[in-house]
Protein backbone atom coordinates (compact mmCIF):
# COMPACT_ATOMS: atom_id res chain seq x y z
CA MET A 1 30.22 12.89 -40.36
CA THR A 2 31.29 11.27 -37.18
CA LYS A 3 35.24 10.91 -36.00
CA PRO A 4 36.81 7.94 -36.26
CA THR A 5 37.69 6.49 -33.02
CA LYS A 6 40.28 4.14 -31.41
CA PRO A 7 40.07 1.36 -29.89
CA VAL A 8 40.06 1.06 -25.87
CA SER A 9 42.15 -2.45 -24.48
CA GLU A 10 40.61 -4.36 -21.35
CA PHE A 11 41.93 -3.47 -18.88
CA GLY A 12 43.22 -5.72 -16.02
CA SER A 13 41.99 -4.00 -12.97
CA GLU A 14 40.62 -0.66 -11.92
CA ALA A 15 43.30 1.22 -11.27
CA GLU A 16 44.99 -0.02 -14.02
CA GLU A 17 41.54 1.68 -15.70
CA ARG A 18 41.72 5.03 -14.06
CA ALA A 19 45.41 5.35 -15.22
CA PHE A 20 44.78 5.02 -18.76
CA TRP A 21 41.65 7.38 -18.84
CA GLU A 22 43.77 10.25 -16.40
CA SER A 23 46.72 10.03 -18.95
CA HIS A 24 43.83 9.67 -22.56
CA ASP A 25 41.27 12.23 -23.97
CA SER A 26 38.05 10.21 -24.31
CA ALA A 27 36.85 12.05 -27.39
CA ASP A 28 39.76 10.44 -28.82
CA HIS A 29 38.27 6.67 -28.58
CA ILE A 30 34.31 7.33 -27.76
CA ASP A 31 32.44 9.23 -30.90
CA TRP A 32 30.51 11.73 -28.44
CA SER A 33 28.49 12.64 -30.75
CA LYS A 34 25.97 10.08 -30.67
CA ALA A 35 25.78 9.54 -26.67
CA GLU A 36 22.33 9.74 -25.26
CA ARG A 37 21.48 10.83 -21.40
CA ALA A 38 20.61 8.26 -19.35
CA ARG A 39 18.85 8.30 -16.49
CA LEU A 40 19.72 6.28 -12.86
CA PRO A 41 16.87 5.71 -10.77
CA ASN A 42 18.25 3.63 -8.53
CA LEU A 43 21.62 5.22 -7.75
CA LYS A 44 21.93 5.80 -4.06
CA PRO A 45 21.60 9.44 -3.38
CA SER A 46 24.86 11.08 -2.04
CA SER A 47 24.58 12.76 1.46
CA THR A 48 26.77 15.25 3.78
CA SER A 49 27.90 14.68 7.50
CA ILE A 50 26.51 17.62 9.26
CA SER A 51 27.12 19.05 13.03
CA ILE A 52 24.43 20.72 14.69
CA ARG A 53 24.31 21.03 18.13
CA LEU A 54 20.95 20.41 19.35
CA PRO A 55 20.27 21.22 23.65
CA ASN A 56 20.63 17.76 25.60
CA SER A 57 16.77 17.93 26.74
CA LEU A 58 15.82 17.90 23.13
CA LEU A 59 17.97 14.79 22.07
CA GLU A 60 16.81 13.00 24.46
CA ARG A 61 12.88 13.84 23.28
CA ILE A 62 14.29 13.32 20.30
CA LYS A 63 15.59 9.98 20.72
CA ILE A 64 12.65 9.00 23.04
CA ALA A 65 9.99 9.78 19.99
CA ALA A 66 12.77 7.85 18.04
CA ASN A 67 12.35 4.90 19.97
CA LYS A 68 8.63 4.41 19.52
CA ARG A 69 9.02 4.33 16.12
CA ASP A 70 11.54 1.93 16.68
CA MET A 71 13.99 3.71 14.23
CA PRO A 72 18.02 5.62 15.00
CA TYR A 73 16.93 9.07 16.07
CA GLN A 74 19.02 10.53 13.13
CA SER A 75 17.16 8.76 10.71
CA LEU A 76 13.79 10.39 12.67
CA ILE A 77 15.54 13.94 12.59
CA LYS A 78 15.92 13.52 8.10
CA ALA A 79 12.42 12.28 8.41
CA TRP A 80 11.32 16.02 10.17
CA LEU A 81 13.18 17.74 8.18
CA THR A 82 11.95 16.29 4.58
CA GLU A 83 8.66 16.55 5.88
CA LYS A 84 9.36 20.22 6.45
CA VAL A 85 11.09 21.51 3.70
CA ASP A 86 8.26 19.53 1.57
CA VAL A 87 5.13 21.01 2.75
CA LYS A 88 3.86 23.47 -0.41
CA ASN A 89 3.52 26.55 1.25
């Protein structure tokens, strides 16, 4: 047996919708028993900014290597880290 749901009005703006959901329970408006898992493969993965101390000479060598590959040095560092982590032992 499904739970009756209350209709949700159209919202004039994202801020109006956000305010509505901050003060209302979605279970009153959505039958979660019918929910299905969704895959969103095209979402950009979230990232976190970090700070790392490198010797100046190492950073310069990385920048030279990146320049030879015509890519930003941060991108090259990420690619190298990914390669290293993904190596199967």
